[in-house]
Structure formats: structure tokens, C-alpha cells
C-alpha atoms as a PDB file:
ATOM      1  CA  UNK A   1     -25.417 -64.573   2.308  1.00  0.00           C
ATOM      2  CA  UNK A   2     -24.756 -61.276   0.101  1.00  0.00           C
ATOM      3  CA  UNK A   3     -27.663 -59.635  -1.410  1.00  0.00           C
ATOM      4  CA  UNK A   4     -28.598 -60.584  -4.723  1.00  0.00           C
ATOM      5  CA  UNK A   5     -26.696 -58.617  -7.545  1.00  0.00           C
ATOM      6  CA  UNK A   6     -30.444 -57.559  -8.959  1.00  0.00           C
ATOM      7  CA  UNK A   7     -31.202 -56.650  -5.363  1.00  0.00           C
ATOM      8  CA  UNK A   8     -28.219 -54.139  -4.933  1.00  0.00           C
ATOM      9  CA  UNK A   9     -28.526 -52.999  -8.430  1.00  0.00           C
ATOM     10  CA  UNK A  10     -32.037 -51.860  -7.332  1.00  0.00           C
ATOM     11  CA  UNK A  11     -30.822 -50.491  -4.098  1.00  0.00           C
ATOM     12  CA  UNK A  12     -28.081 -48.700  -5.746  1.00  0.00           C
ATOM     13  CA  UNK A  13     -30.617 -46.909  -8.093  1.00  0.00           C
ATOM     14  CA  UNK A  14     -33.243 -45.864  -5.658  1.00  0.00           C
ATOM     15  CA  UNK A  15     -29.988 -44.527  -3.407  1.00  0.00           C
ATOM     16  CA  UNK A  16     -29.439 -42.443  -6.675  1.00  0.00           C
ATOM     17  CA  UNK A  17     -32.615 -41.185  -6.806  1.00  0.00           C
ATOM     18  CA  UNK A  18     -33.065 -40.002  -3.579  1.00  0.00           C
ATOM     19  CA  UNK A  19     -29.530 -38.187  -3.718  1.00  0.00           C
ATOM     20  CA  UNK A  20     -31.123 -36.711  -6.546  1.00  0.00           C
ATOM     21  CA  UNK A  21     -33.832 -35.268  -5.221  1.00  0.00           C
ATOM     22  CA  UNK A  22     -31.482 -33.658  -2.197  1.00  0.00           C
ATOM     23  CA  UNK A  23     -29.654 -31.333  -4.357  1.00  0.00           C
ATOM     24  CA  UNK A  24     -29.217 -27.701  -3.887  1.00  0.00           C
ATOM     25  CA  UNK A  25     -32.155 -25.646  -3.906  1.00  0.00           C
ATOM     26  CA  UNK A  26     -32.155 -23.562  -7.097  1.00  0.00           C
ATOM     27  CA  UNK A  27     -34.537 -20.204  -7.196  1.00  0.00           C
ATOM     28  CA  UNK A  28     -35.739 -17.688  -9.900  1.00  0.00           C
ATOM     29  CA  UNK A  29     -34.783 -14.461 -10.272  1.00  0.00           C
ATOM     30  CA  UNK A  30     -38.175 -13.713 -10.457  1.00  0.00           C
ATOM     31  CA  UNK A  31     -38.605 -14.411  -6.828  1.00  0.00           C
ATOM     32  CA  UNK A  32     -39.674 -11.033  -5.158  1.00  0.00           C
ATOM     33  CA  UNK A  33     -38.089  -9.626  -2.179  1.00  0.00           C
ATOM     34  CA  UNK A  34     -41.039  -9.169   0.197  1.00  0.00           C
ATOM     35  CA  UNK A  35     -41.679 -12.899  -0.228  1.00  0.00           C
ATOM     36  CA  UNK A  36     -38.314 -13.024   0.922  1.00  0.00           C
ATOM     37  CA  UNK A  37     -38.664 -11.166   3.501  1.00  0.00           C
ATOM     38  CA  UNK A  38     -41.680 -12.597   4.335  1.00  0.00           C
ATOM     39  CA  UNK A  39     -40.026 -16.162   4.956  1.00  0.00           C
ATOM     40  CA  UNK A  40     -36.644 -14.835   6.645  1.00  0.00           C
ATOM     41  CA  UNK A  41     -38.684 -13.213   9.215  1.00  0.00           C
ATOM     42  CA  UNK A  42     -39.958 -17.191  10.102  1.00  0.00           C
ATOM     43  CA  UNK A  43     -36.524 -18.713   9.322  1.00  0.00           C
ATOM     44  CA  UNK A  44     -33.570 -16.254  10.750  1.00  0.00           C
ATOM     45  CA  UNK A  45     -33.793 -17.116  14.542  1.00  0.00           C
ATOM     46  CA  UNK A  46     -31.546 -15.067  17.155  1.00  0.00           C
ATOM     47  CA  UNK A  47     -27.845 -16.535  17.670  1.00  0.00           C
ATOM     48  CA  UNK A  48     -26.193 -16.869  20.999  1.00  0.00           C
ATOM     49  CA  UNK A  49     -25.432 -13.602  21.730  1.00  0.00           C
ATOM     50  CA  UNK A  50     -29.485 -12.838  22.237  1.00  0.00           C
ATOM     51  CA  UNK A  51     -30.331 -16.053  23.611  1.00  0.00           C
ATOM     52  CA  UNK A  52     -33.015 -15.830  26.504  1.00  0.00           C
ATOM     53  CA  UNK A  53     -33.330 -12.271  25.776  1.00  0.00           C
ATOM     54  CA  UNK A  54     -29.750 -10.578  26.449  1.00  0.00           C
ATOM     55  CA  UNK A  55     -30.060  -7.643  24.001  1.00  0.00           C
ATOM     56  CA  UNK A  56     -32.489  -6.501  27.207  1.00  0.00           C
ATOM     57  CA  UNK A  57     -29.056  -6.533  29.449  1.00  0.00           C
ATOM     58  CA  UNK A  58     -27.195  -5.318  26.599  1.00  0.00           C
ATOM     59  CA  UNK A  59     -27.687  -1.426  27.287  1.00  0.00           C
ATOM     60  CA  UNK A  60     -25.333   0.057  29.652  1.00  0.00           C
ATOM     61  CA  UNK A  61     -27.350   1.585  32.373  1.00  0.00           C
ATOM     62  CA  UNK A  62     -25.617   5.003  33.696  1.00  0.00           C
ATOM     63  CA  UNK A  63     -24.295   5.901  30.489  1.00  0.00           C
ATOM     64  CA  UNK A  64     -26.177   8.529  28.062  1.00  0.00           C
ATOM     65  CA  UNK A  65     -24.829   7.398  25.009  1.00  0.00           C
ATOM     66  CA  UNK A  66     -25.252   3.684  24.014  1.00  0.00           C
ATOM     67  CA  UNK A  67     -25.775   1.559  20.414  1.00  0.00           C
ATOM     68  CA  UNK A  68     -26.883  -1.293  20.358  1.00  0.00           C
ATOM     69  CA  UNK A  69     -25.841  -3.508  16.849  1.00  0.00           C
ATOM     70  CA  UNK A  70     -27.983  -6.404  15.643  1.00  0.00           C
ATOM     71  CA  UNK A  71     -26.856  -7.735  12.308  1.00  0.00           C
ATOM     72  CA  UNK A  72     -29.211 -10.711  10.520  1.00  0.00           C
ATOM     73  CA  UNK A  73     -26.625 -13.027   7.746  1.00  0.00           C
ATOM     74  CA  UNK A  74     -29.628 -13.959   5.122  1.00  0.00           C
ATOM     75  CA  UNK A  75     -26.584 -15.238   3.379  1.00  0.00           C
ATOM     76  CA  UNK A  76     -24.720 -18.885   2.530  1.00  0.00           C
ATOM     77  CA  UNK A  77     -21.632 -17.645   4.021  1.00  0.00           C
ATOM     78  CA  UNK A  78     -21.260 -17.075   7.527  1.00  0.00           C
ATOM     79  CA  UNK A  79     -20.221 -13.704   8.815  1.00  0.00           C
ATOM     80  CA  UNK A  80     -16.808 -14.661  10.608  1.00  0.00           C
ATOM     81  CA  UNK A  81     -14.187 -12.955  12.149  1.00  0.00           C
ATOM     82  CA  UNK A  82     -15.381  -9.621  13.795  1.00  0.00           C
ATOM     83  CA  UNK A  83     -13.231  -6.860  14.423  1.00  0.00           C
ATOM     84  CA  UNK A  84     -14.417  -3.568  16.312  1.00  0.00           C
ATOM     85  CA  UNK A  85     -12.596  -0.669  15.900  1.00  0.00           C
ATOM     86  CA  UNK A  86     -14.151   2.177  18.360  1.00  0.00           C
ATOM     87  CA  UNK A  87     -13.063   5.399  16.876  1.00  0.00           C
ATOM     88  CA  UNK A  88     -12.469   7.550  20.024  1.00  0.00           C
ATOM     89  CA  UNK A  89     -12.277   6.757  24.316  1.00  0.00           C
ATOM     90  CA  UNK A  90     -15.628   4.262  23.660  1.00  0.00           C
ATOM     91  CA  UNK A  91     -16.185   0.695  24.946  1.00  0.00           C
ATOM     92  CA  UNK A  92     -17.544  -2.059  24.510  1.00  0.00           C
ATOM     93  CA  UNK A  93     -20.366  -3.229  26.465  1.00  0.00           C
ATOM     94  CA  UNK A  94     -20.362  -6.574  24.600  1.00  0.00           C
ATOM     95  CA  UNK A  95     -18.661  -7.834  21.868  1.00  0.00           C
ATOM     96  CA  UNK A  96     -19.567  -8.544  18.384  1.00  0.00           C
ATOM     97  CA  UNK A  97     -19.682 -12.539  17.624  1.00  0.00           C
ATOM     98  CA  UNK A  98     -19.801 -14.669  14.066  1.00  0.00           C
ATOM     99  CA  UNK A  99     -23.094 -14.903  12.654  1.00  0.00           C
ATOM    100  CA  UNK A 100     -24.063 -18.014  11.132  1.00  0.00           C
ATOM    101  CA  UNK A 101     -26.196 -18.315   8.031  1.00  0.00           C
ATOM    102  CA  UNK A 102     -30.052 -17.286   8.885  1.00  0.00           C
ATOM    103  CA  UNK A 103     -28.864 -16.233  12.499  1.00  0.00           C
ATOM    104  CA  UNK A 104     -29.202 -12.883  14.287  1.00  0.00           C
ATOM    105  CA  UNK A 105     -26.212 -11.640  16.724  1.00  0.00           C
ATOM    106  CA  UNK A 106     -25.746  -8.380  18.454  1.00  0.00           C
ATOM    107  CA  UNK A 107     -23.095  -6.531  20.911  1.00  0.00           C
ATOM    108  CA  UNK A 108     -23.276  -2.970  22.117  1.00  0.00           C
ATOM    109  CA  UNK A 109     -20.878   0.433  22.796  1.00  0.00           C
ATOM    110  CA  UNK A 110     -20.845   2.956  24.962  1.00  0.00           C
ATOM    111  CA  UNK A 111     -19.560   6.429  25.681  1.00  0.00           C
ATOM    112  CA  UNK A 112     -16.669   6.847  28.182  1.00  0.00           C
ATOM    113  CA  UNK A 113     -17.103   7.514  31.861  1.00  0.00           C
ATOM    114  CA  UNK A 114     -17.148  10.998  32.982  1.00  0.00           C
ATOM    115  CA  UNK A 115     -17.011  12.245  29.605  1.00  0.00           C
ATOM    116  CA  UNK A 116     -18.997  14.755  27.065  1.00  0.00           C
ATOM    117  CA  UNK A 117     -18.270  12.368  24.451  1.00  0.00           C
ATOM    118  CA  UNK A 118     -20.661   9.863  22.123  1.00  0.00           C
ATOM    119  CA  UNK A 119     -19.220   6.446  20.680  1.00  0.00           C
ATOM    120  CA  UNK A 120     -18.117   6.045  17.396  1.00  0.00           C
ATOM    121  CA  UNK A 121     -16.132   3.594  15.273  1.00  0.00           C
ATOM    122  CA  UNK A 122     -16.011   0.615  12.827  1.00  0.00           C
ATOM    123  CA  UNK A 123     -17.544  -3.397  12.998  1.00  0.00           C
ATOM    124  CA  UNK A 124     -16.647  -5.843   9.904  1.00  0.00           C
ATOM    125  CA  UNK A 125     -17.082  -9.441   9.428  1.00  0.00           C
ATOM    126  CA  UNK A 126     -15.433 -11.533   6.691  1.00  0.00           C
ATOM    127  CA  UNK A 127     -17.899 -13.321   4.419  1.00  0.00           C
ATOM    128  CA  UNK A 128     -16.136 -16.438   4.551  1.00  0.00           C
ATOM    129  CA  UNK A 129     -16.306 -17.912   1.413  1.00  0.00           C
ATOM    130  CA  UNK A 130     -17.446 -15.116  -0.700  1.00  0.00           C
ATOM    131  CA  UNK A 131     -13.384 -13.366   0.200  1.00  0.00           C
ATOM    132  CA  UNK A 132     -14.784 -10.017   0.987  1.00  0.00           C
ATOM    133  CA  UNK A 133     -15.700  -8.208   4.146  1.00  0.00           C
ATOM    134  CA  UNK A 134     -18.976  -6.674   5.357  1.00  0.00           C
ATOM    135  CA  UNK A 135     -17.962  -3.140   7.010  1.00  0.00           C
ATOM    136  CA  UNK A 136     -20.396  -0.730   9.347  1.00  0.00           C
ATOM    137  CA  UNK A 137     -19.618   2.482  10.578  1.00  0.00           C
ATOM    138  CA  UNK A 138     -21.726   4.306  13.037  1.00  0.00           C
ATOM    139  CA  UNK A 139     -21.450   7.243  15.019  1.00  0.00           C
ATOM    140  CA  UNK A 140     -23.497   8.251  17.752  1.00  0.00           C
ATOM    141  CA  UNK A 141     -22.751  11.962  19.154  1.00  0.00           C
ATOM    142  CA  UNK A 142     -23.282  12.806  22.960  1.00  0.00           C
ATOM    143  CA  UNK A 143     -24.133  16.592  21.505  1.00  0.00           C
ATOM    144  CA  UNK A 144     -27.612  16.673  19.440  1.00  0.00           C
ATOM    145  CA  UNK A 145     -27.068  20.274  18.756  1.00  0.00           C
ATOM    146  CA  UNK A 146     -23.928  19.878  16.619  1.00  0.00           C
ATOM    147  CA  UNK A 147     -24.157  15.995  15.531  1.00  0.00           C
ATOM    148  CA  UNK A 148     -26.583  13.199  14.361  1.00  0.00           C
ATOM    149  CA  UNK A 149     -26.271   9.465  14.729  1.00  0.00           C
ATOM    150  CA  UNK A 150     -24.781   8.325  11.253  1.00  0.00           C
ATOM    151  CA  UNK A 151     -25.064   4.764   9.755  1.00  0.00           C
ATOM    152  CA  UNK A 152     -22.776   3.509   7.077  1.00  0.00           C
ATOM    153  CA  UNK A 153     -22.886   0.494   5.431  1.00  0.00           C
ATOM    154  CA  UNK A 154     -20.391  -1.238   2.621  1.00  0.00           C
ATOM    155  CA  UNK A 155     -18.151  -4.137   1.042  1.00  0.00           C
ATOM    156  CA  UNK A 156     -14.869  -4.349   0.737  1.00  0.00           C
ATOM    157  CA  UNK A 157     -13.765  -5.624  -3.419  1.00  0.00           C
ATOM    158  CA  UNK A 158     -13.564  -9.287  -3.650  1.00  0.00           C
ATOM    159  CA  UNK A 159     -10.369 -10.823  -2.141  1.00  0.00           C
ATOM    160  CA  UNK A 160      -9.431  -8.436   0.184  1.00  0.00           C
ATOM    161  CA  UNK A 161     -10.367  -9.697   3.840  1.00  0.00           C
ATOM    162  CA  UNK A 162      -7.579  -7.819   5.831  1.00  0.00           C
ATOM    163  CA  UNK A 163      -8.890  -5.155   8.366  1.00  0.00           C
ATOM    164  CA  UNK A 164      -7.737  -1.628   7.488  1.00  0.00           C
ATOM    165  CA  UNK A 165      -5.118   0.090  10.389  1.00  0.00           C
ATOM    166  CA  UNK A 166      -6.596   1.929  12.825  1.00  0.00           C
ATOM    167  CA  UNK A 167      -9.663   4.645  11.946  1.00  0.00           C
ATOM    168  CA  UNK A 168      -8.773   4.046   8.427  1.00  0.00           C
ATOM    169  CA  UNK A 169     -12.342   2.636   7.510  1.00  0.00           C
ATOM    170  CA  UNK A 170     -13.955   5.068   9.779  1.00  0.00           C
ATOM    171  CA  UNK A 171     -12.590   8.242   8.518  1.00  0.00           C
ATOM    172  CA  UNK A 172     -13.450   7.129   5.119  1.00  0.00           C
ATOM    173  CA  UNK A 173     -17.189   5.795   6.121  1.00  0.00           C
ATOM    174  CA  UNK A 174     -18.276   9.197   8.176  1.00  0.00           C
ATOM    175  CA  UNK A 175     -16.248  11.904   5.861  1.00  0.00           C
ATOM    176  CA  UNK A 176     -14.878  10.704   2.293  1.00  0.00           C
ATOM    177  CA  UNK A 177     -16.239   8.560  -0.512  1.00  0.00           C
ATOM    178  CA  UNK A 178     -15.525   5.060  -2.104  1.00  0.00           C
ATOM    179  CA  UNK A 179     -12.407   3.511  -2.815  1.00  0.00           C
ATOM    180  CA  UNK A 180     -11.604   0.804  -5.384  1.00  0.00           C
ATOM    181  CA  UNK A 181     -11.038  -1.436  -1.484  1.00  0.00           C
ATOM    182  CA  UNK A 182     -14.200  -0.225  -0.331  1.00  0.00           C
ATOM    183  CA  UNK A 183     -17.639   1.009  -1.202  1.00  0.00           C
ATOM    184  CA  UNK A 184     -20.255   2.186   0.582  1.00  0.00           C
ATOM    185  CA  UNK A 185     -23.715   4.312   1.189  1.00  0.00           C
ATOM    186  CA  UNK A 186     -23.839   6.516   4.553  1.00  0.00           C
ATOM    187  CA  UNK A 187     -27.257   8.223   5.853  1.00  0.00           C
ATOM    188  CA  UNK A 188     -27.897  10.682   8.672  1.00  0.00           C
ATOM    189  CA  UNK A 189     -30.496   9.697  11.136  1.00  0.00           C
ATOM    190  CA  UNK A 190     -31.854  12.805  12.299  1.00  0.00           C
ATOM    191  CA  UNK A 191     -35.574  13.382  11.280  1.00  0.00           C
ATOM    192  CA  UNK A 192     -35.872  10.781   8.755  1.00  0.00           C
ATOM    193  CA  UNK A 193     -34.699   7.033  10.075  1.00  0.00           C
ATOM    194  CA  UNK A 194     -36.185   5.344   7.059  1.00  0.00           C
ATOM    195  CA  UNK A 195     -33.905   2.708   6.581  1.00  0.00           C
ATOM    196  CA  UNK A 196     -31.276   2.794   3.329  1.00  0.00           C
ATOM    197  CA  UNK A 197     -29.517   0.194   1.383  1.00  0.00           C
ATOM    198  CA  UNK A 198     -25.694  -0.169  -0.005  1.00  0.00           C
ATOM    199  CA  UNK A 199     -25.374  -2.587  -3.073  1.00  0.00           C
ATOM    200  CA  UNK A 200     -22.908  -4.273  -5.644  1.00  0.00           C
ATOM    201  CA  UNK A 201     -22.938  -6.612  -8.036  1.00  0.00           C
ATOM    202  CA  UNK A 202     -23.482  -9.836  -5.445  1.00  0.00           C
ATOM    203  CA  UNK A 203     -24.768  -8.749  -1.814  1.00  0.00           C
ATOM    204  CA  UNK A 204     -27.032  -5.768  -0.159  1.00  0.00           C
ATOM    205  CA  UNK A 205     -27.314  -4.257   3.077  1.00  0.00           C
ATOM    206  CA  UNK A 206     -30.023  -2.640   4.579  1.00  0.00           C
ATOM    207  CA  UNK A 207     -29.830  -0.819   8.025  1.00  0.00           C
ATOM    208  CA  UNK A 208     -31.622   1.535   9.655  1.00  0.00           C
ATOM    209  CA  UNK A 209     -30.689   3.274  12.876  1.00  0.00           C
ATOM    210  CA  UNK A 210     -33.137   5.274  15.744  1.00  0.00           C
ATOM    211  CA  UNK A 211     -32.153   8.643  16.706  1.00  0.00           C
ATOM    212  CA  UNK A 212     -31.923   9.343  20.057  1.00  0.00           C
ATOM    213  CA  UNK A 213     -28.796   8.877  22.422  1.00  0.00           C
ATOM    214  CA  UNK A 214     -29.577   5.288  23.061  1.00  0.00           C
ATOM    215  CA  UNK A 215     -29.420   3.795  19.693  1.00  0.00           C
ATOM    216  CA  UNK A 216     -30.709   0.889  18.616  1.00  0.00           C
ATOM    217  CA  UNK A 217     -28.901  -0.507  14.919  1.00  0.00           C
ATOM    218  CA  UNK A 218     -30.927  -3.144  12.574  1.00  0.00           C
ATOM    219  CA  UNK A 219     -29.119  -4.463   9.776  1.00  0.00           C
ATOM    220  CA  UNK A 220     -29.895  -7.147   7.250  1.00  0.00           C
ATOM    221  CA  UNK A 221     -27.026  -8.785   5.009  1.00  0.00           C
ATOM    222  CA  UNK A 222     -28.181 -10.809   1.988  1.00  0.00           C
ATOM    223  CA  UNK A 223     -27.710 -11.207  -1.566  1.00  0.00           C
ATOM    224  CA  UNK A 224     -28.914  -8.583  -4.308  1.00  0.00           C
ATOM    225  CA  UNK A 225     -32.475  -9.924  -6.020  1.00  0.00           C
ATOM    226  CA  UNK A 226     -30.886 -11.736  -9.123  1.00  0.00           C
ATOM    227  CA  UNK A 227     -28.570 -13.693  -7.020  1.00  0.00           C
ATOM    228  CA  UNK A 228     -30.963 -16.068  -4.732  1.00  0.00           C
ATOM    229  CA  UNK A 229     -28.740 -19.008  -5.015  1.00  0.00           C
ATOM    230  CA  UNK A 230     -26.366 -17.464  -2.058  1.00  0.00           C
ATOM    231  CA  UNK A 231     -29.516 -17.275   0.327  1.00  0.00           C
ATOM    232  CA  UNK A 232     -28.930 -19.019   3.030  1.00  0.00           C
ATOM    233  CA  UNK A 233     -30.012 -22.691   2.763  1.00  0.00           C
ATOM    234  CA  UNK A 234     -33.130 -22.848   4.978  1.00  0.00           C
ATOM    235  CA  UNK A 235     -34.439 -19.686   3.457  1.00  0.00           C
ATOM    236  CA  UNK A 236     -34.187 -21.280  -0.226  1.00  0.00           C
ATOM    237  CA  UNK A 237     -35.476 -24.291   1.243  1.00  0.00           C
ATOM    238  CA  UNK A 238     -38.950 -22.754   2.417  1.00  0.00           C
ATOM    239  CA  UNK A 239     -38.918 -20.633  -0.368  1.00  0.00           C
ATOM    240  CA  UNK A 240     -38.967 -23.312  -2.922  1.00  0.00           C
END
């Protein structure tokens, strides 16, 4: 026996009301970054590369210079298609992985065996859906008498997701300045190890780096404060 028309109409009305209650979470621009940071600290969780405390095993024992690079994704865009470019003879201890929204991932690099060299290069991810790339440059030198640890953070222009050939991005971010295709900020980590921020009209990236030979880089990719609609869904939901 079919459902009587009035009852069916009531069921459809209730369904539509429920669907309306699951509309996207919209945040006001007045939501302070401090609150977003607090919620993210509860919501963002380790991804597969950090499962079971794997980060502790990332440092290559026996090598004077190594670097762990950890990235948190607070945006609603998954960070996909990671591309690692080591600019010298260093090596990856573990490889970078895609970073889902509200996830934290990490990988590690080290100096080459039997050489008095450090390890430096770039790693980048495509913000899938935002049509651009986040680019991270690092330099972890062997000799602190002549060099210091450096970190650079930047984004390609909207529409550019291709990776520059060879050491192009490293050379630009370490030695040079902004171009139309890639804008960035960089900082030396010697006596001052405070974090710094790169930002454009949609996103900002905050990062820091320790100043020793076994360096650790910690980075957060997030929307700018008047663009909270680009936050990861779980962060927006808890903020609402």
C-alpha cells in the first residue's frame, strides 16, 4: 500500500528542512585567529606518515645533518601531488605524502654519506581545488661557521600548478626575490627561532625551524582571517 499523499508531502517537507540544516558552516570574519588556533589544536590529527609515532624514526641516525619537515593543512583543500626537489646530493629518509584537510604529515631528509655537506631543496604541494601550489624551501648546512638554517614559504599564482624544473624554486627562494609566478617570504634561523608568516589574498603559511644540525620544521597552511570559509570542514564545524 502506498503512502497517502498528505503524509508523503509531510515527509518531503521534513526531509527538505533537514537538508537545509546541513548547509555549509559559514563563519564571520570577526572570528579571531587565536580561537581558530585553539580549535585546530584539537581537531587536526596525525596522518598516515605519523601513525604510531613514526616521526621518532624519521631522523637518520649517524648523519650529522638531517631535517624533519612537518606540515599541517587547516584548509578545505587537500594538499596533493607532493614534489620533492633536493638541490644537492642529500637524500630523503622518508618521502612527502599528500595531506588531507585537518591532517598533519611529515617526512625527513638527510645529508649525503661521506661528505661535509648539508641538505637543501624545496618541496611543494598542489592545493587541489584552489589551482595553485604551496612551496617550501629549506637549507640545513653542514658548517654553521659560514651558514645558518633557512626556511622559505610561498605560493604560486592562481592557475600555476606545474613544478618548476630542477633547482629553479630553490635558487629563487634562497638567493632571489618574488616573481609573478611565485611569491614568498624567507627567514634565517640562527639566534631568533620565532615563527614567521607568508600571506597572499587567500592563504597564509606560518612556519618555524630549529637552529641545530638535526633540524625540525613545523608549518601550518591556513586561509587568511577574512577567508575562514576556506577552513577545513571539521574546524569550521567546531567553531560554529
